[in-house]
């Protein structure tokens, strides 16, 4: 009797929770395969969070993306730079790369950073990145019609390769840890009155 490890078409070994399971999603163009990392994201988003399905899956099923909005509020109980009645709106993106078995989180403040605030924000980001144990903040720049637009974003990633049971838990932990550290960054940023004014304007 052979004890050789078996692998399925997704490269999952026979002791994996998703071994030989096939998932399909119906689209206007027909059925698309939902591969393991995307399925873990979908399970977290739809089953645990109770949301409708808004996950876009590429035609070859190797990439997927989820976009949603959320907010972070402060507290009056603790001495924070954001009070309980102040709320920061965020754009969130979760991207899946099935070939790398990688899930990445991006959290944005959805507004252009004024040039005069770049220095203060860069300084706060450097301090925060030295202190955080999960993910990192950065100024992300894009060029639109020859104009440079700067956004503040927080990024964190997790590999699901090697996780045999608990892929959905790993996705949930990714989001929770990333958003917690993003909250800490926002509290630090709002210690600068001019930056806080920009965030809440």
Protein backbone atom coordinates (compact mmCIF):
# COMPACT_ATOMS: atom_id res chain seq x y z
CA UNK A 1 0.00 0.00 0.00
CA UNK A 2 1.44 3.36 -1.07
CA UNK A 3 1.68 6.29 1.36
CA UNK A 4 2.57 8.70 -1.42
CA UNK A 5 0.87 12.10 -1.05
CA UNK A 6 -1.79 12.72 -3.67
CA UNK A 7 -2.38 16.12 -5.26
CA UNK A 8 -5.42 17.49 -7.05
CA UNK A 9 -5.61 19.78 -10.09
CA UNK A 10 -5.08 22.86 -7.90
CA UNK A 11 -1.93 21.42 -6.37
CA UNK A 12 -3.61 20.73 -3.03
CA UNK A 13 -2.48 17.67 -1.11
CA UNK A 14 -4.93 14.99 0.00
CA UNK A 15 -5.01 16.25 3.62
CA UNK A 16 -6.13 19.73 2.55
CA UNK A 17 -9.64 20.88 3.49
CA UNK A 18 -10.41 21.72 -0.16
CA UNK A 19 -8.75 18.66 -1.74
CA UNK A 20 -10.54 17.61 -4.96
CA UNK A 21 -13.46 19.92 -4.26
CA UNK A 22 -14.71 21.99 -7.19
CA UNK A 23 -16.55 25.27 -6.81
CA UNK A 24 -18.27 27.16 -9.62
CA UNK A 25 -19.76 30.63 -9.81
CA UNK A 26 -22.39 31.53 -12.35
CA UNK A 27 -21.75 34.67 -14.41
CA UNK A 28 -23.31 36.27 -17.48
CA UNK A 29 -20.52 34.66 -19.51
CA UNK A 30 -21.08 31.21 -17.99
CA UNK A 31 -19.69 29.27 -15.03
CA UNK A 32 -16.28 30.27 -13.66
CA UNK A 33 -14.21 28.01 -11.43
CA UNK A 34 -13.70 29.33 -7.91
CA UNK A 35 -10.24 28.25 -6.81
CA UNK A 36 -9.22 27.63 -3.16
CA UNK A 37 -7.97 31.08 -2.08
CA UNK A 38 -10.89 32.82 -3.77
CA UNK A 39 -13.27 30.36 -2.14
CA UNK A 40 -11.77 31.12 1.28
CA UNK A 41 -12.28 34.85 0.63
CA UNK A 42 -15.81 34.23 -0.60
CA UNK A 43 -16.64 32.14 2.48
CA UNK A 44 -15.40 34.90 4.79
CA UNK A 45 -17.25 37.65 2.90
CA UNK A 46 -20.55 35.87 2.30
CA UNK A 47 -20.93 33.35 5.11
CA UNK A 48 -19.14 34.92 8.07
CA UNK A 49 -19.78 38.57 7.23
CA UNK A 50 -23.23 38.02 5.71
CA UNK A 51 -22.65 40.13 2.60
CA UNK A 52 -23.85 39.67 -0.95
CA UNK A 53 -21.35 38.36 -3.50
CA UNK A 54 -19.38 41.19 -5.07
CA UNK A 55 -16.17 39.31 -5.82
CA UNK A 56 -14.87 39.68 -9.38
CA UNK A 57 -13.08 36.57 -10.68
CA UNK A 58 -10.88 36.60 -13.78
CA UNK A 59 -11.83 34.36 -16.71
CA UNK A 60 -9.01 31.91 -15.99
CA UNK A 61 -9.88 32.00 -12.25
CA UNK A 62 -6.30 32.80 -11.19
CA UNK A 63 -7.13 36.27 -9.85
CA UNK A 64 -10.01 37.73 -7.89
CA UNK A 65 -10.78 41.09 -6.34
CA UNK A 66 -13.21 42.29 -3.68
CA UNK A 67 -13.93 45.98 -3.11
CA UNK A 68 -15.92 47.31 -0.17
CA UNK A 69 -16.20 50.37 2.03
CA UNK A 70 -15.87 50.57 5.80
CA UNK A 71 -15.26 53.17 8.48
CA UNK A 72 -13.20 53.60 11.64
CA UNK A 73 -14.36 55.61 14.65
CA UNK A 74 -12.50 56.78 17.71
CA UNK A 75 -13.42 56.60 21.38
CA UNK A 76 -14.30 58.98 24.19
CA UNK A 77 -13.29 56.38 26.79
CA UNK A 78 -9.61 56.52 25.87
CA UNK A 79 -7.44 59.51 25.05
CA UNK A 80 -7.44 59.11 21.29
CA UNK A 81 -6.97 61.73 18.60
CA UNK A 82 -10.32 60.64 17.06
CA UNK A 83 -13.46 60.85 19.19
CA UNK A 84 -16.41 58.47 19.16
CA UNK A 85 -18.49 60.79 16.98
CA UNK A 86 -15.72 61.15 14.36
CA UNK A 87 -15.61 58.59 11.58
CA UNK A 88 -12.98 57.97 8.89
CA UNK A 89 -14.32 56.41 5.70
CA UNK A 90 -12.09 53.84 3.98
CA UNK A 91 -11.95 52.06 0.65
CA UNK A 92 -10.85 48.44 1.04
CA UNK A 93 -9.57 46.05 -1.60
CA UNK A 94 -8.76 42.35 -1.23
CA UNK A 95 -6.85 40.75 -4.09
CA UNK A 96 -6.23 37.04 -4.67
CA UNK A 97 -3.37 35.52 -6.65
CA UNK A 98 -4.14 31.80 -6.95
CA UNK A 99 -0.82 30.92 -8.58
CA UNK A 100 1.04 32.31 -5.56
CA UNK A 101 -1.78 31.36 -3.13
CA UNK A 102 -1.53 34.95 -1.90
CA UNK A 103 -4.29 37.15 -0.48
CA UNK A 104 -3.50 40.87 -0.12
CA UNK A 105 -5.38 43.62 1.71
CA UNK A 106 -5.24 47.31 0.77
CA UNK A 107 -6.93 50.00 2.87
CA UNK A 108 -7.16 53.53 1.45
CA UNK A 109 -8.26 56.94 2.58
CA UNK A 110 -10.04 57.78 -0.69
CA UNK A 111 -8.76 61.30 -1.23
CA UNK A 112 -5.68 62.94 -2.71
CA UNK A 113 -3.03 63.99 -0.18
CA UNK A 114 -2.24 67.71 -0.48
CA UNK A 115 1.41 68.37 -1.22
CA UNK A 116 1.87 70.44 1.94
CA UNK A 117 0.91 67.42 4.11
CA UNK A 118 3.19 64.85 2.46
CA UNK A 119 6.09 65.49 4.85
CA UNK A 120 4.04 65.08 8.04
CA UNK A 121 2.35 61.97 6.72
CA UNK A 122 5.62 60.42 5.60
CA UNK A 123 7.08 61.02 9.06
CA UNK A 124 4.09 59.37 10.77
CA UNK A 125 4.23 56.44 8.37
CA UNK A 126 7.91 55.83 9.11
CA UNK A 127 7.24 55.82 12.85
CA UNK A 128 4.21 53.57 12.46
CA UNK A 129 5.97 51.05 10.22
CA UNK A 130 8.76 50.70 12.78
CA UNK A 131 6.21 49.89 15.48
CA UNK A 132 3.72 47.69 13.64
CA UNK A 133 4.23 43.95 13.54
CA UNK A 134 1.81 43.36 10.68
CA UNK A 135 1.60 45.06 7.31
CA UNK A 136 2.87 48.52 6.44
CA UNK A 137 1.67 51.95 5.40
CA UNK A 138 2.80 53.85 2.33
CA UNK A 139 2.02 56.76 0.07
CA UNK A 140 0.79 55.24 -3.17
CA UNK A 141 1.07 57.46 -6.25
CA UNK A 142 -0.67 57.18 -9.58
CA UNK A 143 -0.43 59.38 -12.67
CA UNK A 144 -3.77 60.54 -14.05
CA UNK A 145 -3.70 62.74 -17.17
CA UNK A 146 -0.09 63.66 -16.39
CA UNK A 147 -1.03 64.70 -12.83
CA UNK A 148 0.34 62.75 -9.87
CA UNK A 149 -2.25 61.76 -7.28
CA UNK A 150 -1.01 60.58 -3.88
CA UNK A 151 -3.05 58.27 -1.67
CA UNK A 152 -2.43 56.95 1.81
CA UNK A 153 -2.83 53.19 1.99
CA UNK A 154 -2.09 50.30 4.31
CA UNK A 155 -1.04 46.96 2.83
CA UNK A 156 -0.80 43.46 4.30
CA UNK A 157 -0.64 40.01 2.72
CA UNK A 158 -0.89 36.40 3.78
CA UNK A 159 0.09 33.17 2.04
CA UNK A 160 -2.43 30.34 2.15
CA UNK A 161 0.09 27.89 0.74
CA UNK A 162 0.77 25.25 3.38
CA UNK A 163 -2.39 26.02 5.37
CA UNK A 164 -4.26 22.73 5.19
CA UNK A 165 -7.23 23.65 7.39
CA UNK A 166 -8.40 27.15 8.24
CA UNK A 167 -7.91 29.14 5.04
CA UNK A 168 -11.02 31.21 5.82
CA UNK A 169 -9.65 31.90 9.30
CA UNK A 170 -6.40 33.11 7.72
CA UNK A 171 -8.30 35.56 5.49
CA UNK A 172 -10.31 36.80 8.46
CA UNK A 173 -7.15 37.28 10.53
CA UNK A 174 -5.53 39.15 7.62
CA UNK A 175 -8.37 41.66 7.46
CA UNK A 176 -8.75 42.06 11.23
CA UNK A 177 -5.03 42.59 11.82
CA UNK A 178 -4.66 44.93 8.85
CA UNK A 179 -7.61 47.09 9.86
CA UNK A 180 -6.44 47.21 13.49
CA UNK A 181 -3.01 48.46 12.45
CA UNK A 182 -4.57 50.88 9.99
CA UNK A 183 -6.65 52.26 12.89
CA UNK A 184 -3.48 52.83 14.93
CA UNK A 185 -1.96 54.68 11.98
CA UNK A 186 -5.01 56.93 11.68
CA UNK A 187 -4.86 57.78 15.39
CA UNK A 188 -1.20 58.71 14.98
CA UNK A 189 -1.89 60.82 11.88
CA UNK A 190 -4.70 62.70 13.57
CA UNK A 191 -2.32 63.90 16.26
CA UNK A 192 -1.33 66.45 13.59
CA UNK A 193 -4.18 68.94 13.45
CA UNK A 194 -3.59 69.82 9.80
CA UNK A 195 -3.62 66.16 8.79
CA UNK A 196 -6.75 65.54 10.84
CA UNK A 197 -8.46 68.50 9.16
CA UNK A 198 -7.64 66.97 5.76
CA UNK A 199 -8.95 63.52 6.77
CA UNK A 200 -12.26 64.90 8.04
CA UNK A 201 -12.82 67.71 5.53
